[in-house]
C-alpha cells in the first residue's frame, strides 16, 4: 500500500508541476502578445450614437456609412498559439487601418480555447486580446458569439465573457448582452439614422448559440438554430423600428455566426441545377470551399427566414463559421453572404493558405442601399504592422 501511495503522490506531483509550468508559460506568452498589441498604430474613428435600450443603438450620420465584417479570428490565447495569434491580430489591424470603417462587426469565434491546439482552456484571454487591439486602434465595434467562444470545457460562459465586452473601459465596444427575455447574449440592433431622425438601415445581430442534441463538445457538428423567442424578438424589433421611422419600412441586414438552413438549401438547389441560377437562387459570386456537407448550418428548422420573407424589409444575411466558404447567393430575394475568415489555427494547415482570409466591406449610402464586397487580406494595399506571412492562394 505504501508503494501505491508513493506512486500516486509522484503522479499528482508531476501533474501539478505540468499545470504550474503551463500557467507560467501562458502568462508570459500573453504578456508578450499584449505588448505587441500596444505597438499598433491608432486608426481612430468618430461615431455619434445613443443607446436607447439594452443592446439597441441609434447611430447618427447624414453621409455614407462603412461597416466591416470580420469573422472567425480564432485567437487561441495560449502558449501553443502565440505565432498564430500575432498573425491574426496583424491581419485584423491591417485591414481596419486601410479600410477605416465607421463600425466593425465580428461575426463569431473571436476566441479558440481548445487546449491541444492553443495550449489553454482560458477563453477570456482571446476576448481580451481582441478588445485591447480594438481599443488601441480606436475604431467602434461589436461582436456576435460563435460556437467556439464559450466551449463547455472553457473557463468562462457567455454571461461572463459578455461582461468583458461590455466593460466600460472598452469605450469603443458597443456590445451589450441584449434583452433578458430573449435567448442568448448579444442580440442587438444598430439603426443608422440621419439628423432628421430617419432610419436608412438597421443592422440586427443574433446569438446563433453553439451545439445541440447532446453534442456538447461539438465533435459531431450538430449546431443549434435561432430560437423561437429570438424570432419573435426580430418581429417585435421590426415593428419598433417602423414606428421609430414614422411608420415607414426600413431596410434591414441580419448578422449571425452559424449559417441559416437556407444557406444550405440555396446552395444545394444551385449546385443541383448544374451550377446555374434557378427561379429561387441567383449566384452573385464566391466559392464553397468546404467539403461535403458543404454548409454546416443549424441541425433543425427555424422560422427566421420565413419571417424575413413575410416582413419584406430584410434584404441580406451575413454569417461566418465555415471558413472556406465565401459565397453570396440571392435566395428568394435575400442575399445570403458568407464572410471571409481570419483563422490561422482551427483548420489544419490553414495558416499556409490565403484565398479565404480577409474581410467583407459593406458600404451603406444615405438612402439605405448597400454595396457589399469581399476583400482578400493578401492584397498589397493592406500593409501589416508586422511582416505579412507568405501563403499559397489555393
Protein backbone atom coordinates (compact mmCIF):
# COMPACT_ATOMS: atom_id res chain seq x y z
CA UNK A 1 0.00 0.00 0.00
CA UNK A 2 2.88 2.35 0.82
CA UNK A 3 4.34 1.77 -2.65
CA UNK A 4 0.99 2.57 -4.33
CA UNK A 5 0.60 5.73 -2.24
CA UNK A 6 4.11 6.81 -3.22
CA UNK A 7 3.37 6.29 -6.91
CA UNK A 8 0.09 8.19 -6.58
CA UNK A 9 1.86 11.12 -4.91
CA UNK A 10 4.50 11.16 -7.63
CA UNK A 11 1.84 11.23 -10.35
CA UNK A 12 -0.01 14.07 -8.63
CA UNK A 13 3.24 15.98 -8.23
CA UNK A 14 4.07 15.59 -11.91
CA UNK A 15 0.59 16.76 -12.90
CA UNK A 16 0.84 19.74 -10.53
CA UNK A 17 4.24 20.63 -11.97
CA UNK A 18 2.96 20.47 -15.56
CA UNK A 19 -0.05 22.63 -14.67
CA UNK A 20 2.15 25.18 -12.89
CA UNK A 21 4.61 25.38 -15.79
CA UNK A 22 1.75 25.71 -18.31
CA UNK A 23 0.19 28.55 -16.32
CA UNK A 24 3.54 30.35 -16.05
CA UNK A 25 4.36 29.92 -19.74
CA UNK A 26 0.86 31.04 -20.79
CA UNK A 27 1.15 34.14 -18.60
CA UNK A 28 4.49 35.02 -20.19
CA UNK A 29 3.15 34.47 -23.71
CA UNK A 30 0.04 36.55 -23.01
CA UNK A 31 2.21 39.42 -21.79
CA UNK A 32 4.29 39.25 -24.98
CA UNK A 33 1.15 39.41 -27.12
CA UNK A 34 -0.34 42.29 -25.09
CA UNK A 35 2.92 44.23 -25.50
CA UNK A 36 2.76 43.68 -29.26
CA UNK A 37 -0.82 44.99 -29.34
CA UNK A 38 0.31 48.25 -27.76
CA UNK A 39 2.66 48.88 -30.70
CA UNK A 40 -0.16 49.00 -33.26
CA UNK A 41 -0.84 52.50 -34.64
CA UNK A 42 -4.10 54.26 -33.86
CA UNK A 43 -6.63 54.38 -36.71
CA UNK A 44 -9.24 56.47 -34.95
CA UNK A 45 -12.92 56.85 -35.61
CA UNK A 46 -15.77 59.17 -34.74
CA UNK A 47 -19.29 57.91 -34.13
CA UNK A 48 -22.31 59.77 -32.82
CA UNK A 49 -24.72 57.36 -31.19
CA UNK A 50 -27.23 56.83 -28.42
CA UNK A 51 -28.03 53.64 -26.55
CA UNK A 52 -31.83 53.71 -26.25
CA UNK A 53 -32.24 50.19 -24.79
CA UNK A 54 -30.18 47.15 -23.77
CA UNK A 55 -28.32 46.37 -26.97
CA UNK A 56 -30.18 48.91 -29.13
CA UNK A 57 -28.38 51.91 -30.63
CA UNK A 58 -29.16 54.79 -32.96
CA UNK A 59 -26.05 55.75 -34.92
CA UNK A 60 -26.35 59.28 -36.31
CA UNK A 61 -24.95 60.16 -39.73
CA UNK A 62 -26.02 62.02 -42.87
CA UNK A 63 -23.31 60.50 -45.04
CA UNK A 64 -22.16 57.12 -46.22
CA UNK A 65 -21.58 54.53 -43.51
CA UNK A 66 -18.94 51.79 -43.81
CA UNK A 67 -19.26 48.51 -41.92
CA UNK A 68 -16.52 45.90 -41.87
CA UNK A 69 -17.50 42.27 -41.23
CA UNK A 70 -14.62 40.27 -39.78
CA UNK A 71 -15.21 36.65 -38.84
CA UNK A 72 -13.59 33.70 -37.11
CA UNK A 73 -10.49 35.41 -35.78
CA UNK A 74 -9.77 32.34 -33.60
CA UNK A 75 -7.38 33.78 -31.05
CA UNK A 76 -6.03 30.83 -29.06
CA UNK A 77 -4.61 32.83 -26.17
CA UNK A 78 -2.17 30.12 -25.08
CA UNK A 79 1.50 29.22 -25.38
CA UNK A 80 0.89 26.99 -28.38
CA UNK A 81 -0.79 29.72 -30.44
CA UNK A 82 1.44 32.77 -29.90
CA UNK A 83 2.63 32.93 -33.51
CA UNK A 84 -0.85 32.36 -34.95
CA UNK A 85 -2.40 34.90 -32.61
CA UNK A 86 0.09 37.54 -33.74
CA UNK A 87 -0.72 36.80 -37.39
CA UNK A 88 -4.46 37.06 -36.71
CA UNK A 89 -4.14 40.37 -34.85
CA UNK A 90 -1.85 41.61 -37.61
CA UNK A 91 -4.46 40.79 -40.28
CA UNK A 92 -7.29 42.45 -38.36
CA UNK A 93 -5.22 45.56 -37.69
CA UNK A 94 -4.01 45.90 -41.29
CA UNK A 95 -7.46 45.68 -42.85
CA UNK A 96 -9.04 48.07 -40.38
CA UNK A 97 -6.15 50.53 -40.80
CA UNK A 98 -6.66 50.66 -44.56
CA UNK A 99 -10.45 50.48 -44.75
CA UNK A 100 -11.05 52.93 -41.88
CA UNK A 101 -14.58 51.67 -41.25
CA UNK A 102 -17.13 53.51 -39.16
CA UNK A 103 -18.05 50.27 -37.44
CA UNK A 104 -16.74 46.69 -37.24
CA UNK A 105 -18.90 43.62 -36.60
CA UNK A 106 -17.04 40.47 -35.58
CA UNK A 107 -19.33 37.59 -36.50
CA UNK A 108 -18.25 34.91 -34.06
CA UNK A 109 -15.41 32.69 -32.89
CA UNK A 110 -13.24 35.52 -31.69
CA UNK A 111 -11.59 33.02 -29.32
CA UNK A 112 -10.47 29.42 -29.76
CA UNK A 113 -9.64 27.94 -26.32
CA UNK A 114 -9.04 24.36 -27.49
CA UNK A 115 -6.22 23.16 -25.21
CA UNK A 116 -4.46 20.68 -27.51
CA UNK A 117 -4.26 23.38 -30.22
CA UNK A 118 -3.94 26.66 -28.32
CA UNK A 119 -2.47 25.39 -25.05
CA UNK A 120 -5.16 26.81 -22.77
CA UNK A 121 -8.76 26.49 -21.60
CA UNK A 122 -8.93 30.19 -20.83
CA UNK A 123 -11.35 31.75 -23.34
CA UNK A 124 -11.15 35.11 -21.57
CA UNK A 125 -7.67 35.71 -22.99
CA UNK A 126 -8.75 35.70 -26.65
CA UNK A 127 -11.63 38.05 -25.89
CA UNK A 128 -9.35 40.49 -24.05
CA UNK A 129 -6.74 40.36 -26.82
CA UNK A 130 -9.32 41.45 -29.38
CA UNK A 131 -10.72 44.13 -27.08
CA UNK A 132 -7.27 45.52 -26.38
CA UNK A 133 -6.46 45.63 -30.10
CA UNK A 134 -9.66 47.46 -30.97
CA UNK A 135 -9.14 49.90 -28.12
CA UNK A 136 -5.64 50.62 -29.44
CA UNK A 137 -6.95 51.07 -32.99
CA UNK A 138 -9.72 53.35 -31.70
CA UNK A 139 -12.49 52.06 -34.00
CA UNK A 140 -16.05 51.30 -32.86
CA UNK A 141 -17.08 47.67 -32.90
CA UNK A 142 -19.19 44.87 -31.51
CA UNK A 143 -19.20 41.06 -31.57
CA UNK A 144 -21.52 38.14 -32.12
CA UNK A 145 -20.77 34.95 -30.22
CA UNK A 146 -19.73 31.83 -32.13
CA UNK A 147 -19.70 28.22 -31.03
CA UNK A 148 -16.02 28.29 -30.02
CA UNK A 149 -16.12 31.46 -27.90
CA UNK A 150 -17.52 29.62 -24.88
CA UNK A 151 -16.84 25.91 -25.16
CA UNK A 152 -18.33 23.71 -22.44
CA UNK A 153 -14.79 22.97 -21.17
CA UNK A 154 -13.52 26.55 -21.29
CA UNK A 155 -13.28 28.63 -18.13
CA UNK A 156 -15.93 31.27 -18.79
CA UNK A 157 -19.52 31.12 -20.04
CA UNK A 158 -21.30 33.57 -22.33
CA UNK A 159 -22.56 35.74 -19.48
CA UNK A 160 -19.07 36.12 -18.07
CA UNK A 161 -17.47 36.86 -21.46
CA UNK A 162 -20.28 39.36 -22.11
CA UNK A 163 -19.12 41.26 -19.03
CA UNK A 164 -15.69 41.66 -20.64
CA UNK A 165 -17.01 43.07 -23.91
CA UNK A 166 -19.48 45.38 -22.15
CA UNK A 167 -16.89 46.68 -19.68
CA UNK A 168 -16.85 50.49 -19.74
CA UNK A 169 -13.06 50.56 -20.08
CA UNK A 170 -13.51 49.34 -23.67
CA UNK A 171 -15.14 52.57 -24.77
CA UNK A 172 -15.15 51.69 -28.47
CA UNK A 173 -17.02 48.44 -27.93
CA UNK A 174 -20.79 48.79 -28.31
CA UNK A 175 -21.58 45.23 -27.24
CA UNK A 176 -24.48 44.78 -24.82
CA UNK A 177 -25.96 41.46 -23.61
CA UNK A 178 -29.36 42.32 -25.07
CA UNK A 179 -32.87 41.65 -23.76
CA UNK A 180 -33.01 39.30 -20.78
CA UNK A 181 -36.16 37.56 -22.04
CA UNK A 182 -34.50 36.57 -25.34
CA UNK A 183 -32.22 33.52 -25.54
CA UNK A 184 -28.52 34.14 -26.00
CA UNK A 185 -26.20 37.08 -25.41
CA UNK A 186 -25.62 39.91 -27.85
CA UNK A 187 -28.96 40.08 -29.64
CA UNK A 188 -28.57 43.70 -30.72
CA UNK A 189 -29.93 46.39 -33.04
CA UNK A 190 -27.99 49.23 -34.68
CA UNK A 191 -30.13 51.79 -36.51
CA UNK A 192 -28.33 54.07 -38.95
CA UNK A 193 -30.23 57.33 -38.57
CA UNK A 194 -29.81 60.76 -40.13
CA UNK A 195 -30.05 64.03 -38.23
CA UNK A 196 -33.73 64.33 -39.25
CA UNK A 197 -34.45 61.16 -37.27
CA UNK A 198 -35.00 58.99 -40.37
CA UNK A 199 -33.59 55.45 -40.27
CA UNK A 200 -31.89 54.40 -43.51
CA UNK A 201 -30.95 50.84 -42.49
CA UNK A 202 -30.97 48.69 -39.38
CA UNK A 203 -28.39 46.05 -38.51
CA UNK A 204 -29.88 43.21 -36.43
CA UNK A 205 -27.49 40.85 -34.65
CA UNK A 206 -28.32 37.37 -33.33
CA UNK A 207 -26.61 34.96 -30.99
CA UNK A 208 -26.83 31.72 -33.01
CA UNK A 209 -25.71 29.68 -29.97
CA UNK A 210 -23.44 26.63 -30.29
CA UNK A 211 -24.24 22.91 -30.20
CA UNK A 212 -27.43 20.93 -29.66
CA UNK A 213 -28.90 17.42 -29.39
CA UNK A 214 -26.32 16.28 -26.84
CA UNK A 215 -23.32 17.21 -28.98
CA UNK A 216 -21.84 19.14 -26.07
CA UNK A 217 -18.28 19.09 -27.39
CA UNK A 218 -19.24 19.82 -30.99
CA UNK A 219 -17.44 16.76 -32.30
CA UNK A 220 -20.45 15.66 -34.38
CA UNK A 221 -21.03 19.13 -35.88
CA UNK A 222 -24.63 19.33 -34.65
CA UNK A 223 -25.26 23.06 -34.47
CA UNK A 224 -28.12 24.98 -32.92
CA UNK A 225 -30.65 27.22 -34.66
CA UNK A 226 -32.15 30.61 -33.91
CA UNK A 227 -34.66 30.08 -31.09
CA UNK A 228 -38.37 30.83 -31.25
CA UNK A 229 -38.23 33.74 -28.82
CA UNK A 230 -35.45 35.29 -30.91
CA UNK A 231 -37.69 35.14 -33.98
CA UNK A 232 -40.44 36.86 -32.01
CA UNK A 233 -37.91 39.46 -30.86
CA UNK A 234 -36.98 40.02 -34.51
CA UNK A 235 -40.63 40.65 -35.44
CA UNK A 236 -41.09 42.94 -32.45
CA UNK A 237 -37.90 44.80 -33.38
CA UNK A 238 -39.09 45.40 -36.95
CA UNK A 239 -42.34 46.89 -35.62
CA UNK A 240 -40.45 49.14 -33.22
CA UNK A 241 -38.08 50.31 -35.95
CA UNK A 242 -41.01 51.04 -38.26
CA UNK A 243 -42.69 53.04 -35.50
CA UNK A 244 -39.48 54.99 -34.83
CA UNK A 245 -39.33 55.74 -38.57
CA UNK A 246 -42.80 57.35 -38.68
CA UNK A 247 -44.47 54.17 -39.91
CA UNK A 248 -42.14 53.68 -42.88
CA UNK A 249 -40.42 50.35 -43.57
CA UNK A 250 -36.66 50.23 -43.01
CA UNK A 251 -34.17 48.09 -44.93
CA UNK A 252 -32.50 45.63 -42.58
CA UNK A 253 -29.44 43.37 -42.55
CA UNK A 254 -29.09 40.37 -40.24
CA UNK A 255 -25.77 39.19 -38.77
CA UNK A 256 -25.10 35.84 -37.05
CA UNK A 257 -22.37 33.22 -36.79
CA UNK A 258 -23.84 29.86 -37.77
CA UNK A 259 -25.48 29.96 -41.22
CA UNK A 260 -29.23 29.54 -41.53
CA UNK A 261 -30.55 26.31 -43.04
CA UNK A 262 -31.47 28.36 -46.12
CA UNK A 263 -27.77 28.77 -46.94
CA UNK A 264 -27.66 25.02 -47.49
CA UNK A 265 -31.00 24.95 -49.31
CA UNK A 266 -29.85 27.65 -51.71
CA UNK A 267 -26.51 26.04 -52.44
CA UNK A 268 -27.94 22.55 -53.00
CA UNK A 269 -30.58 23.95 -55.34
CA UNK A 270 -27.97 25.90 -57.30
CA UNK A 271 -25.48 23.01 -57.42
CA UNK A 272 -28.25 20.56 -58.28
CA UNK A 273 -29.09 22.68 -61.31
CA UNK A 274 -25.60 22.30 -62.74
CA UNK A 275 -24.25 25.47 -61.09
CA UNK A 276 -26.86 27.55 -62.87
CA UNK A 277 -29.38 30.02 -61.50
CA UNK A 278 -32.87 28.82 -60.68
CA UNK A 279 -36.13 30.63 -60.05
CA UNK A 280 -35.19 30.88 -56.35
CA UNK A 281 -31.40 31.15 -56.48
CA UNK A 282 -29.22 33.75 -58.18
CA UNK A 283 -25.47 33.28 -57.88
CA UNK A 284 -23.66 36.54 -57.15
CA UNK A 285 -20.03 35.45 -56.55
CA UNK A 286 -17.69 33.38 -54.42
CA UNK A 287 -16.88 29.75 -53.76
CA UNK A 288 -17.95 26.91 -51.48
CA UNK A 289 -14.61 25.52 -50.35
CA UNK A 290 -15.83 23.25 -47.55
CA UNK A 291 -16.07 19.53 -48.18
CA UNK A 292 -19.40 17.71 -48.05
CA UNK A 293 -21.84 18.54 -46.40
CA UNK A 294 -20.54 21.96 -47.65
CA UNK A 295 -22.77 24.10 -45.38
CA UNK A 296 -22.51 23.47 -41.63
CA UNK A 297 -25.80 25.13 -40.70
CA UNK A 298 -28.21 24.58 -37.82
CA UNK A 299 -29.38 21.00 -37.43
CA UNK A 300 -33.09 21.82 -37.35
CA UNK A 301 -35.54 24.26 -38.89
CA UNK A 302 -36.39 27.70 -37.55
CA UNK A 303 -38.80 30.38 -38.74
CA UNK A 304 -36.42 33.32 -39.05
CA UNK A 305 -36.01 33.22 -42.83
CA UNK A 306 -39.74 32.74 -43.34
CA UNK A 307 -40.40 35.80 -41.16
CA UNK A 308 -37.87 37.76 -43.21
CA UNK A 309 -39.80 36.93 -46.37
CA UNK A 310 -43.10 37.70 -44.69
CA UNK A 311 -42.00 41.11 -43.41
CA UNK A 312 -40.11 42.03 -46.56
CA UNK A 313 -37.60 44.50 -45.10
CA UNK A 314 -34.56 42.26 -44.61
CA UNK A 315 -32.55 42.03 -47.82
CA UNK A 316 -29.30 40.46 -46.56
CA UNK A 317 -27.88 38.00 -44.04
CA UNK A 318 -24.20 37.82 -43.07
CA UNK A 319 -22.61 34.81 -41.34
CA UNK A 320 -19.23 33.20 -40.65
CA UNK A 321 -18.48 29.72 -39.26
CA UNK A 322 -17.49 27.87 -42.46
CA UNK A 323 -14.00 29.24 -43.04
CA UNK A 324 -13.58 28.14 -46.65
CA UNK A 325 -16.97 29.36 -47.91
CA UNK A 326 -17.24 32.91 -49.25
CA UNK A 327 -20.29 32.92 -51.50
CA UNK A 328 -23.08 35.40 -51.94
CA UNK A 329 -26.26 33.66 -53.11
CA UNK A 330 -29.50 35.57 -53.53
CA UNK A 331 -32.21 33.22 -52.29
CA UNK A 332 -35.82 34.26 -52.80
CA UNK A 333 -34.74 37.89 -52.93
CA UNK A 334 -32.45 37.87 -49.88
CA UNK A 335 -28.64 37.92 -50.19
CA UNK A 336 -27.06 35.14 -48.12
CA UNK A 337 -23.49 36.31 -47.53
CA UNK A 338 -20.56 34.33 -46.15
CA UNK A 339 -17.82 36.44 -44.61
CA UNK A 340 -14.16 35.78 -45.16
CA UNK A 341 -12.40 34.24 -42.15
CA UNK A 342 -9.16 35.16 -40.35
CA UNK A 343 -8.39 31.74 -38.79
CA UNK A 344 -4.74 30.68 -38.60
CA UNK A 345 -5.39 28.00 -36.01
CA UNK A 346 -8.55 25.90 -36.15
CA UNK A 347 -8.32 24.19 -39.55
CA UNK A 348 -5.27 22.01 -40.07
CA UNK A 349 -2.79 23.78 -42.35
CA UNK A 350 -4.99 26.85 -42.82
CA UNK A 351 -2.16 29.18 -41.83
CA UNK A 352 -0.40 28.21 -45.07
CA UNK A 353 -3.28 29.11 -47.44
CA UNK A 354 -4.77 32.52 -48.09
CA UNK A 355 -7.61 32.92 -50.59
CA UNK A 356 -10.18 32.57 -47.79
CA UNK A 357 -8.65 35.18 -45.46
CA UNK A 358 -9.95 38.74 -45.45
CA UNK A 359 -12.98 40.87 -44.65
CA UNK A 360 -16.32 41.93 -46.08
CA UNK A 361 -16.88 45.63 -46.75
CA UNK A 362 -20.45 46.93 -46.52
CA UNK A 363 -20.86 50.47 -47.80
CA UNK A 364 -24.27 51.90 -46.85
CA UNK A 365 -25.45 55.03 -48.64
CA UNK A 366 -27.71 57.70 -47.04
CA UNK A 367 -30.77 56.13 -48.73
CA UNK A 368 -30.02 52.76 -47.06
CA UNK A 369 -28.82 50.94 -50.16
CA UNK A 370 -25.68 48.89 -49.62
CA UNK A 371 -22.74 47.75 -51.69
CA UNK A 372 -21.17 44.51 -50.42
CA UNK A 373 -17.83 43.10 -51.50
CA UNK A 374 -15.12 40.74 -50.20
CA UNK A 375 -11.54 41.92 -49.80
CA UNK A 376 -8.63 39.47 -49.54
CA UNK A 377 -6.03 40.22 -46.89
CA UNK A 378 -3.03 39.48 -49.13
CA UNK A 379 -3.52 42.49 -51.37
CA UNK A 380 -0.67 45.00 -51.31
CA UNK A 381 -2.98 47.73 -50.02
CA UNK A 382 -3.18 46.00 -46.65
CA UNK A 383 0.13 46.91 -45.05
CA UNK A 384 0.75 44.80 -41.98
CA UNK A 385 2.24 46.19 -38.78
CA UNK A 386 4.39 43.07 -38.54
CA UNK A 387 5.70 41.20 -41.56
CA UNK A 388 2.93 39.54 -43.57
CA UNK A 389 3.37 35.79 -43.98
CA UNK A 390 3.65 34.05 -47.35
CA UNK A 391 0.78 31.73 -48.26
CA UNK A 392 -0.49 29.65 -51.15
CA UNK A 393 -3.52 31.14 -52.89
CA UNK A 394 -5.41 27.91 -53.38
